[in-house]
């Protein structure tokens, strides 16, 4: 996992699981106060992680963020930039993932 973070320049951290996007400044502030180390929020990753854990498999969630949590200002969204960052990150990540032996745990790779 550390090697994946290193080669991509990504930030490793917590993604909050929410049932709907946070659309107000007040809710965003409350989440920041309660979870100051969270990097983002999402809805999809938790289910995938639960399925992986149930099968005894490692899981790695890769996200590119196009907009901050809070009021839904679509004019400020940077979807193109996020997709470009994701494409670049996966290009760097692919060799790392290919080097992992299916029997190794990802945290074993420095």
C-alpha atoms as a PDB file:
ATOM      1  CA  UNK A   1       0.000   0.000   0.000  1.00  0.00           C
ATOM      2  CA  UNK A   2       2.798   2.410   0.855  1.00  0.00           C
ATOM      3  CA  UNK A   3       4.342   1.886  -2.586  1.00  0.00           C
ATOM      4  CA  UNK A   4       1.007   2.646  -4.267  1.00  0.00           C
ATOM      5  CA  UNK A   5       0.762   5.900  -2.325  1.00  0.00           C
ATOM      6  CA  UNK A   6       4.395   6.786  -3.073  1.00  0.00           C
ATOM      7  CA  UNK A   7       4.291   6.262  -6.846  1.00  0.00           C
ATOM      8  CA  UNK A   8       0.988   8.074  -7.326  1.00  0.00           C
ATOM      9  CA  UNK A   9       1.616  10.952  -4.928  1.00  0.00           C
ATOM     10  CA  UNK A  10      -1.784  10.161  -3.423  1.00  0.00           C
ATOM     11  CA  UNK A  11      -2.914  10.903   0.092  1.00  0.00           C
ATOM     12  CA  UNK A  12      -3.738   7.905   2.249  1.00  0.00           C
ATOM     13  CA  UNK A  13      -6.582   8.392   4.660  1.00  0.00           C
ATOM     14  CA  UNK A  14     -10.187   8.040   5.649  1.00  0.00           C
ATOM     15  CA  UNK A  15     -13.115   8.416   3.279  1.00  0.00           C
ATOM     16  CA  UNK A  16     -16.371   8.970   5.141  1.00  0.00           C
ATOM     17  CA  UNK A  17     -19.242   6.741   4.105  1.00  0.00           C
ATOM     18  CA  UNK A  18     -22.444   8.702   3.656  1.00  0.00           C
ATOM     19  CA  UNK A  19     -25.903   7.775   2.392  1.00  0.00           C
ATOM     20  CA  UNK A  20     -26.287  10.945   0.338  1.00  0.00           C
ATOM     21  CA  UNK A  21     -23.975  13.722  -0.769  1.00  0.00           C
ATOM     22  CA  UNK A  22     -23.418  16.562   1.652  1.00  0.00           C
ATOM     23  CA  UNK A  23     -25.047  19.599   0.103  1.00  0.00           C
ATOM     24  CA  UNK A  24     -24.885  22.288   2.762  1.00  0.00           C
ATOM     25  CA  UNK A  25     -22.078  24.248   4.369  1.00  0.00           C
ATOM     26  CA  UNK A  26     -23.492  23.468   7.813  1.00  0.00           C
ATOM     27  CA  UNK A  27     -23.422  19.700   7.236  1.00  0.00           C
ATOM     28  CA  UNK A  28     -19.915  19.908   5.743  1.00  0.00           C
ATOM     29  CA  UNK A  29     -18.712  21.856   8.794  1.00  0.00           C
ATOM     30  CA  UNK A  30     -20.307  19.320  11.151  1.00  0.00           C
ATOM     31  CA  UNK A  31     -18.583  16.445   9.343  1.00  0.00           C
ATOM     32  CA  UNK A  32     -15.220  18.264   9.427  1.00  0.00           C
ATOM     33  CA  UNK A  33     -15.620  18.892  13.154  1.00  0.00           C
ATOM     34  CA  UNK A  34     -16.526  15.281  13.867  1.00  0.00           C
ATOM     35  CA  UNK A  35     -13.983  13.722  11.461  1.00  0.00           C
ATOM     36  CA  UNK A  36     -11.131  16.241  11.051  1.00  0.00           C
ATOM     37  CA  UNK A  37      -8.793  13.731   9.390  1.00  0.00           C
ATOM     38  CA  UNK A  38     -11.238  12.602   6.690  1.00  0.00           C
ATOM     39  CA  UNK A  39     -10.052  13.288   3.156  1.00  0.00           C
ATOM     40  CA  UNK A  40     -13.346  12.880   1.310  1.00  0.00           C
ATOM     41  CA  UNK A  41     -16.802  11.390   1.427  1.00  0.00           C
ATOM     42  CA  UNK A  42     -18.243   8.640  -0.694  1.00  0.00           C
ATOM     43  CA  UNK A  43     -21.045   6.152  -0.953  1.00  0.00           C
ATOM     44  CA  UNK A  44     -19.617   3.354  -3.085  1.00  0.00           C
ATOM     45  CA  UNK A  45     -16.390   2.230  -1.432  1.00  0.00           C
ATOM     46  CA  UNK A  46     -17.805   0.843   1.795  1.00  0.00           C
ATOM     47  CA  UNK A  47     -19.802  -1.904   0.098  1.00  0.00           C
ATOM     48  CA  UNK A  48     -16.803  -2.988  -1.951  1.00  0.00           C
ATOM     49  CA  UNK A  49     -14.595  -3.001   1.155  1.00  0.00           C
ATOM     50  CA  UNK A  50     -17.125  -5.063   3.113  1.00  0.00           C
ATOM     51  CA  UNK A  51     -17.322  -7.632   0.303  1.00  0.00           C
ATOM     52  CA  UNK A  52     -13.529  -7.854   0.101  1.00  0.00           C
ATOM     53  CA  UNK A  53     -13.157  -8.297   3.859  1.00  0.00           C
ATOM     54  CA  UNK A  54     -15.859 -10.986   3.852  1.00  0.00           C
ATOM     55  CA  UNK A  55     -13.818 -12.877   1.265  1.00  0.00           C
ATOM     56  CA  UNK A  56     -10.498 -12.305   3.044  1.00  0.00           C
ATOM     57  CA  UNK A  57      -9.218 -10.111   0.230  1.00  0.00           C
ATOM     58  CA  UNK A  58      -7.296  -6.861   0.474  1.00  0.00           C
ATOM     59  CA  UNK A  59      -8.968  -3.736  -0.823  1.00  0.00           C
ATOM     60  CA  UNK A  60      -7.617  -0.467  -2.147  1.00  0.00           C
ATOM     61  CA  UNK A  61      -9.930   2.421  -2.951  1.00  0.00           C
ATOM     62  CA  UNK A  62      -8.625   5.039  -5.341  1.00  0.00           C
ATOM     63  CA  UNK A  63     -10.544   8.287  -5.642  1.00  0.00           C
ATOM     64  CA  UNK A  64     -10.085  11.483  -7.558  1.00  0.00           C
ATOM     65  CA  UNK A  65     -11.956  14.421  -6.058  1.00  0.00           C
ATOM     66  CA  UNK A  66     -13.713  16.809  -8.425  1.00  0.00           C
ATOM     67  CA  UNK A  67     -15.452  19.033  -5.885  1.00  0.00           C
ATOM     68  CA  UNK A  68     -15.327  19.848  -2.189  1.00  0.00           C
ATOM     69  CA  UNK A  69     -17.907  18.580   0.266  1.00  0.00           C
ATOM     70  CA  UNK A  70     -20.614  21.157   0.858  1.00  0.00           C
ATOM     71  CA  UNK A  71     -22.921  23.319  -1.231  1.00  0.00           C
ATOM     72  CA  UNK A  72     -23.436  21.866  -4.696  1.00  0.00           C
ATOM     73  CA  UNK A  73     -21.846  24.544  -6.884  1.00  0.00           C
ATOM     74  CA  UNK A  74     -21.667  22.665 -10.170  1.00  0.00           C
ATOM     75  CA  UNK A  75     -19.852  25.556 -11.830  1.00  0.00           C
ATOM     76  CA  UNK A  76     -16.907  24.893  -9.497  1.00  0.00           C
ATOM     77  CA  UNK A  77     -16.718  21.152 -10.192  1.00  0.00           C
ATOM     78  CA  UNK A  78     -13.494  20.054 -11.856  1.00  0.00           C
ATOM     79  CA  UNK A  79     -14.542  16.699 -13.271  1.00  0.00           C
ATOM     80  CA  UNK A  80     -12.108  16.841 -16.190  1.00  0.00           C
ATOM     81  CA  UNK A  81      -9.191  17.537 -13.859  1.00  0.00           C
ATOM     82  CA  UNK A  82     -10.275  14.708 -11.547  1.00  0.00           C
ATOM     83  CA  UNK A  83     -10.519  12.234 -14.424  1.00  0.00           C
ATOM     84  CA  UNK A  84      -7.109  13.315 -15.714  1.00  0.00           C
ATOM     85  CA  UNK A  85      -5.604  12.838 -12.242  1.00  0.00           C
ATOM     86  CA  UNK A  86      -7.245   9.428 -11.988  1.00  0.00           C
ATOM     87  CA  UNK A  87      -5.917   8.369 -15.394  1.00  0.00           C
ATOM     88  CA  UNK A  88      -2.406   9.544 -14.500  1.00  0.00           C
ATOM     89  CA  UNK A  89      -2.565   7.848 -11.104  1.00  0.00           C
ATOM     90  CA  UNK A  90      -3.696   4.530 -12.557  1.00  0.00           C
ATOM     91  CA  UNK A  91      -0.888   4.669 -15.096  1.00  0.00           C
ATOM     92  CA  UNK A  92       1.594   4.861 -12.233  1.00  0.00           C
ATOM     93  CA  UNK A  93      -0.316   2.399 -10.062  1.00  0.00           C
ATOM     94  CA  UNK A  94      -0.658  -0.434 -12.573  1.00  0.00           C
ATOM     95  CA  UNK A  95       2.980  -1.632 -12.326  1.00  0.00           C
ATOM     96  CA  UNK A  96       2.757  -1.636  -8.520  1.00  0.00           C
ATOM     97  CA  UNK A  97      -0.418  -3.704  -8.531  1.00  0.00           C
ATOM     98  CA  UNK A  98       1.062  -6.098 -11.079  1.00  0.00           C
ATOM     99  CA  UNK A  99       4.077  -6.622  -8.817  1.00  0.00           C
ATOM    100  CA  UNK A 100       1.930  -7.747  -5.885  1.00  0.00           C
ATOM    101  CA  UNK A 101       1.762 -11.484  -5.452  1.00  0.00           C
ATOM    102  CA  UNK A 102      -1.831 -12.607  -4.916  1.00  0.00           C
ATOM    103  CA  UNK A 103      -0.754 -14.245  -1.653  1.00  0.00           C
ATOM    104  CA  UNK A 104       0.966 -11.159  -0.276  1.00  0.00           C
ATOM    105  CA  UNK A 105      -0.766  -8.521   1.808  1.00  0.00           C
ATOM    106  CA  UNK A 106      -0.505  -5.019   0.227  1.00  0.00           C
ATOM    107  CA  UNK A 107       0.823  -3.467   3.457  1.00  0.00           C
ATOM    108  CA  UNK A 108       3.847  -5.764   3.181  1.00  0.00           C
ATOM    109  CA  UNK A 109       5.076  -3.759   0.185  1.00  0.00           C
ATOM    110  CA  UNK A 110       7.145  -0.741   1.188  1.00  0.00           C
END
